[in-house]
């Protein structure tokens, strides 16, 4: 097997945990920014083009989306930390139960909001999906970088490390 020429590895750097954490933090920051932009645009569009019920629905759905994301991040981190500490791969039942309880609470809030008649169900759904739209924006951005050949050296280096 013939090895590639040395000049093909000029941008290759050894794996650095700190750099990986920085890239992860930047990604999380972009996803958060994208989510806020989507929420802002949806609220603006609902304010200008729709009814008060739709505006309230988008606002409630967006708030639930942000709350759900925060809860989910904390719950998963807690479960993984406990699984690592116990080193048996099992998560205590109460920890998993809190994860399920969150979904019941969100469903209860949405049900109560719909029962009042002041919130449009489509607005709640659109607002609740704000994070998904933010992820789609990031995916489109990353896809365009690949298509246009504008990936950064860090992107290529991280792919090299993941493929090894």
N, C-alpha and C. Protein backbone atom coordinates (compact mmCIF):
# COMPACT_ATOMS: atom_id res chain seq x y z
N UNK A 1 0.85 -1.18 0.00
CA UNK A 1 0.00 0.00 0.00
C UNK A 1 0.89 1.24 0.00
N UNK A 2 0.63 2.12 -0.92
CA UNK A 2 1.44 3.33 -1.04
C UNK A 2 0.84 4.45 -0.19
N UNK A 3 1.68 5.10 0.59
CA UNK A 3 1.22 6.20 1.42
C UNK A 3 1.15 7.47 0.60
N UNK A 4 0.19 8.38 0.94
CA UNK A 4 0.09 9.65 0.23
C UNK A 4 1.32 10.51 0.45
N UNK A 5 1.51 11.44 -0.45
CA UNK A 5 2.63 12.38 -0.33
C UNK A 5 2.48 13.20 0.95
N UNK A 6 3.61 13.70 1.48
CA UNK A 6 3.60 14.47 2.73
C UNK A 6 2.83 15.77 2.63
N UNK A 7 2.79 16.40 1.44
CA UNK A 7 2.12 17.69 1.34
C UNK A 7 0.61 17.57 1.51
N UNK A 8 0.06 16.36 1.43
CA UNK A 8 -1.37 16.18 1.64
C UNK A 8 -1.73 16.26 3.12
N UNK A 9 -0.74 16.16 3.99
CA UNK A 9 -1.00 16.18 5.42
C UNK A 9 -0.58 17.48 6.08
N UNK A 10 -0.34 18.51 5.30
CA UNK A 10 0.13 19.77 5.89
C UNK A 10 -0.87 20.36 6.87
N UNK A 11 -2.17 20.26 6.58
CA UNK A 11 -3.16 20.87 7.47
C UNK A 11 -3.57 19.93 8.60
N UNK A 12 -3.02 18.73 8.62
CA UNK A 12 -3.36 17.77 9.65
C UNK A 12 -2.69 18.14 10.96
N UNK A 13 -3.51 18.17 12.02
CA UNK A 13 -2.98 18.45 13.35
C UNK A 13 -3.41 17.32 14.28
N UNK A 14 -2.62 17.01 15.28
CA UNK A 14 -3.01 15.96 16.22
C UNK A 14 -4.34 16.33 16.90
N UNK A 15 -5.08 15.32 17.30
CA UNK A 15 -6.36 15.53 17.95
C UNK A 15 -6.18 16.28 19.25
N UNK A 16 -6.94 17.30 19.44
CA UNK A 16 -6.86 18.13 20.63
C UNK A 16 -8.24 18.22 21.25
N UNK A 17 -8.38 17.70 22.45
CA UNK A 17 -9.67 17.68 23.14
C UNK A 17 -10.22 19.10 23.33
N UNK A 18 -9.34 20.04 23.64
CA UNK A 18 -9.79 21.43 23.84
C UNK A 18 -10.37 22.00 22.56
N UNK A 19 -9.73 21.73 21.42
CA UNK A 19 -10.25 22.22 20.15
C UNK A 19 -11.59 21.59 19.82
N UNK A 20 -11.73 20.31 20.14
CA UNK A 20 -13.01 19.63 19.90
C UNK A 20 -14.11 20.26 20.74
N UNK A 21 -13.79 20.58 21.98
CA UNK A 21 -14.78 21.22 22.86
C UNK A 21 -15.13 22.62 22.35
N UNK A 22 -14.14 23.34 21.82
CA UNK A 22 -14.41 24.68 21.27
C UNK A 22 -15.31 24.58 20.05
N UNK A 23 -15.06 23.60 19.17
CA UNK A 23 -15.92 23.42 17.99
C UNK A 23 -17.34 23.07 18.41
N UNK A 24 -17.46 22.23 19.44
CA UNK A 24 -18.78 21.86 19.95
C UNK A 24 -19.50 23.07 20.53
N UNK A 25 -18.78 23.90 21.27
CA UNK A 25 -19.37 25.11 21.84
C UNK A 25 -19.81 26.07 20.74
N UNK A 26 -19.01 26.20 19.68
CA UNK A 26 -19.38 27.07 18.57
C UNK A 26 -20.63 26.56 17.87
N UNK A 27 -20.72 25.24 17.68
CA UNK A 27 -21.91 24.65 17.06
C UNK A 27 -23.14 24.92 17.91
N UNK A 28 -23.02 24.70 19.21
CA UNK A 28 -24.15 24.95 20.11
C UNK A 28 -24.57 26.41 20.07
N UNK A 29 -23.59 27.30 19.99
CA UNK A 29 -23.89 28.73 19.92
C UNK A 29 -24.63 29.06 18.62
N UNK A 30 -24.18 28.48 17.50
CA UNK A 30 -24.86 28.73 16.22
C UNK A 30 -26.28 28.18 16.24
N UNK A 31 -26.47 27.00 16.83
CA UNK A 31 -27.82 26.42 16.90
C UNK A 31 -28.73 27.29 17.76
N UNK A 32 -28.19 27.79 18.87
CA UNK A 32 -28.99 28.66 19.74
C UNK A 32 -29.36 29.95 19.00
N UNK A 33 -28.37 30.54 18.31
CA UNK A 33 -28.62 31.76 17.54
C UNK A 33 -29.67 31.51 16.47
N UNK A 34 -29.54 30.41 15.73
CA UNK A 34 -30.51 30.08 14.69
C UNK A 34 -31.91 29.93 15.26
N UNK A 35 -32.00 29.30 16.42
CA UNK A 35 -33.31 29.11 17.05
C UNK A 35 -33.92 30.45 17.43
N UNK A 36 -33.12 31.35 17.99
CA UNK A 36 -33.62 32.68 18.35
C UNK A 36 -34.06 33.46 17.12
N UNK A 37 -33.30 33.34 16.04
CA UNK A 37 -33.66 34.03 14.80
C UNK A 37 -34.99 33.50 14.27
N UNK A 38 -35.15 32.18 14.28
CA UNK A 38 -36.41 31.57 13.81
C UNK A 38 -37.57 32.04 14.67
N UNK A 39 -37.38 32.05 15.98
CA UNK A 39 -38.45 32.49 16.88
C UNK A 39 -38.80 33.95 16.60
N UNK A 40 -37.79 34.79 16.47
CA UNK A 40 -38.04 36.20 16.16
C UNK A 40 -38.80 36.40 14.86
N UNK A 41 -38.39 35.68 13.83
CA UNK A 41 -39.08 35.80 12.54
C UNK A 41 -40.52 35.30 12.62
N UNK A 42 -40.72 34.18 13.30
CA UNK A 42 -42.09 33.66 13.42
C UNK A 42 -42.97 34.62 14.22
N UNK A 43 -42.44 35.20 15.29
CA UNK A 43 -43.23 36.15 16.06
C UNK A 43 -43.56 37.40 15.24
N UNK A 44 -42.56 37.88 14.49
CA UNK A 44 -42.78 39.05 13.64
C UNK A 44 -43.83 38.77 12.58
N UNK A 45 -43.72 37.62 11.92
CA UNK A 45 -44.70 37.26 10.89
C UNK A 45 -46.09 37.08 11.49
N UNK A 46 -46.19 36.47 12.66
CA UNK A 46 -47.49 36.29 13.30
C UNK A 46 -48.08 37.64 13.70
N UNK A 47 -47.23 38.55 14.15
CA UNK A 47 -47.70 39.88 14.54
C UNK A 47 -48.24 40.65 13.34
N UNK A 48 -47.53 40.58 12.23
CA UNK A 48 -47.87 41.38 11.05
C UNK A 48 -48.96 40.72 10.21
N UNK A 49 -48.88 39.42 10.04
CA UNK A 49 -49.73 38.75 9.05
C UNK A 49 -50.88 37.93 9.62
N UNK A 50 -50.94 37.74 10.92
CA UNK A 50 -51.93 36.80 11.45
C UNK A 50 -52.70 37.39 12.61
N UNK A 51 -53.42 36.51 13.27
CA UNK A 51 -54.27 36.94 14.38
C UNK A 51 -53.53 36.91 15.71
N UNK A 52 -54.18 37.46 16.69
CA UNK A 52 -53.62 37.47 18.04
C UNK A 52 -53.47 36.04 18.58
N UNK A 53 -54.42 35.16 18.23
CA UNK A 53 -54.34 33.76 18.67
C UNK A 53 -53.08 33.09 18.11
N UNK A 54 -52.78 33.38 16.84
CA UNK A 54 -51.58 32.79 16.24
C UNK A 54 -50.33 33.33 16.92
N UNK A 55 -50.30 34.63 17.18
CA UNK A 55 -49.15 35.23 17.87
C UNK A 55 -48.95 34.60 19.24
N UNK A 56 -50.03 34.45 19.99
CA UNK A 56 -49.93 33.82 21.30
C UNK A 56 -49.49 32.36 21.19
N UNK A 57 -49.98 31.66 20.16
CA UNK A 57 -49.59 30.28 19.95
C UNK A 57 -48.10 30.14 19.65
N UNK A 58 -47.61 31.01 18.77
CA UNK A 58 -46.18 30.98 18.44
C UNK A 58 -45.35 31.32 19.67
N UNK A 59 -45.78 32.30 20.44
CA UNK A 59 -45.04 32.69 21.64
C UNK A 59 -45.01 31.54 22.65
N UNK A 60 -46.14 30.90 22.88
CA UNK A 60 -46.18 29.79 23.83
C UNK A 60 -45.35 28.61 23.32
N UNK A 61 -45.52 28.26 22.06
CA UNK A 61 -44.75 27.15 21.50
C UNK A 61 -43.26 27.41 21.55
N UNK A 62 -42.85 28.65 21.27
CA UNK A 62 -41.43 28.99 21.31
C UNK A 62 -40.88 28.91 22.73
N UNK A 63 -41.64 29.40 23.69
CA UNK A 63 -41.21 29.32 25.09
C UNK A 63 -41.09 27.87 25.53
N UNK A 64 -42.05 27.04 25.13
CA UNK A 64 -41.99 25.63 25.48
C UNK A 64 -40.81 24.93 24.78
N UNK A 65 -40.52 25.35 23.57
CA UNK A 65 -39.38 24.78 22.84
C UNK A 65 -38.08 25.07 23.57
N UNK A 66 -37.88 26.32 23.98
CA UNK A 66 -36.66 26.69 24.69
C UNK A 66 -36.57 25.99 26.05
N UNK A 67 -37.69 25.94 26.75
CA UNK A 67 -37.73 25.25 28.04
C UNK A 67 -37.45 23.76 27.86
N UNK A 68 -38.07 23.16 26.86
CA UNK A 68 -37.87 21.75 26.59
C UNK A 68 -36.41 21.45 26.25
N UNK A 69 -35.81 22.30 25.44
CA UNK A 69 -34.41 22.11 25.07
C UNK A 69 -33.50 22.19 26.30
N UNK A 70 -33.77 23.16 27.16
CA UNK A 70 -32.97 23.30 28.37
C UNK A 70 -33.13 22.09 29.30
N UNK A 71 -34.38 21.67 29.48
CA UNK A 71 -34.64 20.50 30.31
C UNK A 71 -34.00 19.25 29.73
N UNK A 72 -34.14 19.08 28.41
CA UNK A 72 -33.59 17.88 27.77
C UNK A 72 -32.08 17.84 27.91
N UNK A 73 -31.42 18.96 27.70
CA UNK A 73 -29.97 19.02 27.84
C UNK A 73 -29.55 18.64 29.26
N UNK A 74 -30.22 19.22 30.24
CA UNK A 74 -29.90 18.91 31.63
C UNK A 74 -30.20 17.47 32.00
N UNK A 75 -31.31 16.93 31.53
CA UNK A 75 -31.68 15.55 31.84
C UNK A 75 -30.71 14.56 31.23
N UNK A 76 -30.36 14.77 29.97
CA UNK A 76 -29.43 13.85 29.32
C UNK A 76 -28.06 13.93 29.97
N UNK A 77 -27.61 15.14 30.28
CA UNK A 77 -26.31 15.29 30.96
C UNK A 77 -26.33 14.56 32.30
N UNK A 78 -27.41 14.72 33.05
CA UNK A 78 -27.53 14.07 34.35
C UNK A 78 -27.53 12.54 34.20
N UNK A 79 -28.29 12.03 33.23
CA UNK A 79 -28.33 10.58 33.03
C UNK A 79 -26.97 10.03 32.63
N UNK A 80 -26.29 10.73 31.74
CA UNK A 80 -24.96 10.26 31.31
C UNK A 80 -23.95 10.33 32.45
N UNK A 81 -24.01 11.39 33.25
CA UNK A 81 -23.10 11.49 34.39
C UNK A 81 -23.34 10.36 35.39
N UNK A 82 -24.60 10.06 35.66
CA UNK A 82 -24.90 8.98 36.60
C UNK A 82 -24.49 7.63 36.03
N UNK A 83 -24.70 7.44 34.74
CA UNK A 83 -24.31 6.17 34.12
C UNK A 83 -22.80 5.99 34.16
N UNK A 84 -22.06 7.09 33.96
CA UNK A 84 -20.60 7.02 34.02
C UNK A 84 -20.15 6.74 35.44
N UNK A 85 -20.77 7.40 36.41
CA UNK A 85 -20.37 7.19 37.80
C UNK A 85 -20.66 5.76 38.26
N UNK A 86 -21.79 5.22 37.84
CA UNK A 86 -22.15 3.86 38.25
C UNK A 86 -21.41 2.82 37.41
N UNK A 87 -20.94 3.18 36.25
CA UNK A 87 -20.17 2.35 35.34
C UNK A 87 -20.83 1.02 35.01
N UNK A 88 -22.15 0.98 35.04
CA UNK A 88 -22.84 -0.23 34.63
C UNK A 88 -23.76 0.04 33.43
N UNK A 89 -23.81 1.29 32.99
CA UNK A 89 -24.62 1.62 31.83
C UNK A 89 -26.10 1.79 32.15
N UNK A 90 -26.48 1.59 33.39
CA UNK A 90 -27.89 1.72 33.75
C UNK A 90 -28.16 3.09 34.35
N UNK A 91 -29.33 3.58 34.05
CA UNK A 91 -29.76 4.87 34.58
C UNK A 91 -30.80 4.60 35.66
N UNK A 92 -30.69 5.26 36.82
CA UNK A 92 -31.70 5.05 37.86
C UNK A 92 -33.10 5.38 37.33
N UNK A 93 -34.10 4.62 37.76
CA UNK A 93 -35.46 4.81 37.23
C UNK A 93 -36.01 6.23 37.45
N UNK A 94 -35.69 6.84 38.57
CA UNK A 94 -36.23 8.17 38.85
C UNK A 94 -35.71 9.19 37.83
N UNK A 95 -34.45 9.04 37.41
CA UNK A 95 -33.87 9.96 36.44
C UNK A 95 -34.59 9.84 35.10
N UNK A 96 -34.82 8.62 34.66
CA UNK A 96 -35.55 8.41 33.41
C UNK A 96 -37.00 8.87 33.57
N UNK A 97 -37.56 8.69 34.76
CA UNK A 97 -38.93 9.13 35.01
C UNK A 97 -39.09 10.64 34.89
N UNK A 98 -38.07 11.39 35.33
CA UNK A 98 -38.13 12.85 35.20
C UNK A 98 -38.15 13.25 33.73
N UNK A 99 -37.46 12.50 32.89
CA UNK A 99 -37.45 12.77 31.46
C UNK A 99 -38.86 12.62 30.89
N UNK A 100 -39.54 11.56 31.28
CA UNK A 100 -40.90 11.31 30.81
C UNK A 100 -41.87 12.34 31.41
N UNK A 101 -41.68 12.69 32.67
CA UNK A 101 -42.54 13.66 33.33
C UNK A 101 -42.53 14.99 32.60
N UNK A 102 -41.38 15.37 32.06
CA UNK A 102 -41.28 16.62 31.31
C UNK A 102 -42.24 16.63 30.12
N UNK A 103 -42.33 15.51 29.41
CA UNK A 103 -43.23 15.43 28.26
C UNK A 103 -44.69 15.56 28.69
N UNK A 104 -45.04 14.95 29.81
CA UNK A 104 -46.40 15.08 30.32
C UNK A 104 -46.70 16.53 30.70
N UNK A 105 -45.74 17.19 31.30
CA UNK A 105 -45.93 18.58 31.69
C UNK A 105 -46.12 19.48 30.46
N UNK A 106 -45.31 19.29 29.44
CA UNK A 106 -45.45 20.07 28.20
C UNK A 106 -46.81 19.81 27.57
N UNK A 107 -47.22 18.54 27.53
CA UNK A 107 -48.53 18.19 26.96
C UNK A 107 -49.66 18.82 27.77
N UNK A 108 -49.52 18.85 29.08
CA UNK A 108 -50.54 19.46 29.94
C UNK A 108 -50.64 20.96 29.67
N UNK A 109 -49.51 21.63 29.53
CA UNK A 109 -49.51 23.07 29.25
C UNK A 109 -50.15 23.35 27.89
N UNK A 110 -49.79 22.56 26.89
CA UNK A 110 -50.38 22.76 25.56
C UNK A 110 -51.88 22.49 25.60
N UNK A 111 -52.28 21.42 26.28
CA UNK A 111 -53.71 21.11 26.40
C UNK A 111 -54.48 22.23 27.10
N UNK A 112 -53.92 22.76 28.18
CA UNK A 112 -54.59 23.86 28.90
C UNK A 112 -54.68 25.10 28.03
N UNK A 113 -53.62 25.38 27.26
CA UNK A 113 -53.64 26.54 26.38
C UNK A 113 -54.70 26.39 25.29
N UNK A 114 -54.81 25.21 24.73
CA UNK A 114 -55.83 24.99 23.70
C UNK A 114 -57.24 25.05 24.29
N UNK A 115 -57.38 24.59 25.52
CA UNK A 115 -58.68 24.60 26.19
C UNK A 115 -59.18 26.03 26.39
N UNK A 116 -58.26 26.97 26.65
CA UNK A 116 -58.68 28.36 26.84
C UNK A 116 -59.19 28.99 25.56
N UNK A 117 -58.73 28.50 24.41
CA UNK A 117 -59.15 29.05 23.13
C UNK A 117 -58.38 30.30 22.71
N UNK A 118 -57.39 30.71 23.50
CA UNK A 118 -56.63 31.92 23.18
C UNK A 118 -55.35 31.63 22.38
N UNK A 119 -55.07 30.37 22.12
CA UNK A 119 -53.83 30.00 21.43
C UNK A 119 -54.17 29.14 20.22
N UNK A 120 -53.58 29.46 19.09
CA UNK A 120 -53.80 28.69 17.87
C UNK A 120 -52.91 27.45 17.89
N UNK A 121 -53.48 26.26 17.63
CA UNK A 121 -52.66 25.04 17.68
C UNK A 121 -51.52 25.03 16.66
N UNK A 122 -51.74 25.60 15.49
CA UNK A 122 -50.68 25.65 14.49
C UNK A 122 -49.53 26.54 14.96
N UNK A 123 -49.87 27.63 15.62
CA UNK A 123 -48.85 28.52 16.17
C UNK A 123 -48.03 27.83 17.26
N UNK A 124 -48.71 27.06 18.12
CA UNK A 124 -48.00 26.33 19.16
C UNK A 124 -47.04 25.32 18.52
N UNK A 125 -47.53 24.61 17.52
CA UNK A 125 -46.68 23.63 16.85
C UNK A 125 -45.50 24.26 16.15
N UNK A 126 -45.73 25.37 15.47
CA UNK A 126 -44.64 26.05 14.77
C UNK A 126 -43.61 26.58 15.76
N UNK A 127 -44.08 27.17 16.84
CA UNK A 127 -43.16 27.68 17.86
C UNK A 127 -42.38 26.56 18.53
N UNK A 128 -43.06 25.44 18.79
CA UNK A 128 -42.41 24.31 19.44
C UNK A 128 -41.33 23.71 18.54
N UNK A 129 -41.48 23.86 17.23
CA UNK A 129 -40.51 23.32 16.27
C UNK A 129 -39.39 24.30 15.95
N UNK A 130 -39.28 25.39 16.68
CA UNK A 130 -38.27 26.41 16.39
C UNK A 130 -36.86 25.84 16.39
N UNK A 131 -36.55 24.98 17.33
CA UNK A 131 -35.21 24.39 17.38
C UNK A 131 -34.96 23.52 16.14
N UNK A 132 -35.97 22.80 15.71
CA UNK A 132 -35.83 21.97 14.51
C UNK A 132 -35.52 22.84 13.30
N UNK A 133 -36.21 23.96 13.19
CA UNK A 133 -35.93 24.88 12.08
C UNK A 133 -34.51 25.43 12.19
N UNK A 134 -34.06 25.71 13.41
CA UNK A 134 -32.70 26.18 13.61
C UNK A 134 -31.66 25.15 13.19
N UNK A 135 -31.94 23.88 13.48
CA UNK A 135 -31.04 22.81 13.05
C UNK A 135 -31.04 22.70 11.53
N UNK A 136 -32.20 22.88 10.93
CA UNK A 136 -32.28 22.81 9.47
C UNK A 136 -31.48 23.94 8.82
N UNK A 137 -31.48 25.11 9.41
CA UNK A 137 -30.67 26.22 8.90
C UNK A 137 -29.19 25.85 8.97
N UNK A 138 -28.76 25.30 10.10
CA UNK A 138 -27.36 24.90 10.24
C UNK A 138 -27.00 23.81 9.25
N UNK A 139 -27.88 22.84 9.06
CA UNK A 139 -27.61 21.76 8.10
C UNK A 139 -27.50 22.32 6.68
N UNK A 140 -28.37 23.25 6.33
CA UNK A 140 -28.29 23.87 5.01
C UNK A 140 -27.00 24.65 4.83
N UNK A 141 -26.59 25.35 5.87
CA UNK A 141 -25.34 26.10 5.81
C UNK A 141 -24.16 25.16 5.62
N UNK A 142 -24.10 24.08 6.40
CA UNK A 142 -23.00 23.13 6.29
C UNK A 142 -23.00 22.44 4.92
N UNK A 143 -24.19 22.12 4.43
CA UNK A 143 -24.30 21.49 3.12
C UNK A 143 -23.80 22.42 2.02
N UNK A 144 -24.15 23.71 2.14
CA UNK A 144 -23.68 24.67 1.13
C UNK A 144 -22.16 24.81 1.17
N UNK A 145 -21.55 24.72 2.36
CA UNK A 145 -20.09 24.77 2.45
C UNK A 145 -19.46 23.58 1.72
N UNK A 146 -20.06 22.42 1.86
CA UNK A 146 -19.53 21.24 1.19
C UNK A 146 -19.68 21.37 -0.32
N UNK A 147 -20.86 21.78 -0.76
CA UNK A 147 -21.12 21.91 -2.20
C UNK A 147 -20.20 22.95 -2.83
N UNK A 148 -20.01 24.06 -2.16
CA UNK A 148 -19.18 25.13 -2.70
C UNK A 148 -17.69 24.91 -2.45
N UNK A 149 -17.35 23.85 -1.72
CA UNK A 149 -15.95 23.56 -1.43
C UNK A 149 -15.31 24.54 -0.49
N UNK A 150 -16.07 25.08 0.44
CA UNK A 150 -15.54 26.09 1.37
C UNK A 150 -15.43 25.58 2.79
N UNK A 151 -15.24 24.29 2.95
CA UNK A 151 -15.06 23.76 4.30
C UNK A 151 -13.79 24.35 4.89
N UNK A 152 -13.80 24.54 6.18
CA UNK A 152 -12.62 25.06 6.86
C UNK A 152 -11.65 23.92 7.16
N UNK A 153 -10.37 24.20 7.37
CA UNK A 153 -9.42 23.14 7.72
C UNK A 153 -9.83 22.37 8.97
N UNK A 154 -10.47 23.05 9.93
CA UNK A 154 -10.91 22.38 11.14
C UNK A 154 -11.97 21.33 10.83
N UNK A 155 -12.86 21.66 9.85
CA UNK A 155 -13.88 20.70 9.47
C UNK A 155 -13.26 19.45 8.88
N UNK A 156 -12.29 19.64 7.99
CA UNK A 156 -11.64 18.49 7.37
C UNK A 156 -10.84 17.69 8.39
N UNK A 157 -10.18 18.38 9.33
CA UNK A 157 -9.39 17.69 10.35
C UNK A 157 -10.29 16.90 11.26
N UNK A 158 -11.45 17.45 11.63
CA UNK A 158 -12.35 16.72 12.52
C UNK A 158 -12.91 15.50 11.81
N UNK A 159 -13.16 15.60 10.49
CA UNK A 159 -13.63 14.43 9.76
C UNK A 159 -12.56 13.35 9.73
N UNK A 160 -11.31 13.74 9.57
CA UNK A 160 -10.20 12.80 9.54
C UNK A 160 -10.12 12.04 10.86
N UNK A 161 -10.30 12.76 11.97
CA UNK A 161 -10.22 12.13 13.28
C UNK A 161 -11.39 11.19 13.52
N UNK A 162 -12.58 11.55 13.01
CA UNK A 162 -13.75 10.69 13.21
C UNK A 162 -13.66 9.44 12.37
N UNK A 163 -12.98 9.50 11.25
CA UNK A 163 -12.89 8.34 10.36
C UNK A 163 -11.81 7.36 10.79
N UNK A 164 -10.93 7.73 11.68
CA UNK A 164 -9.85 6.83 12.11
C UNK A 164 -10.32 5.83 13.13
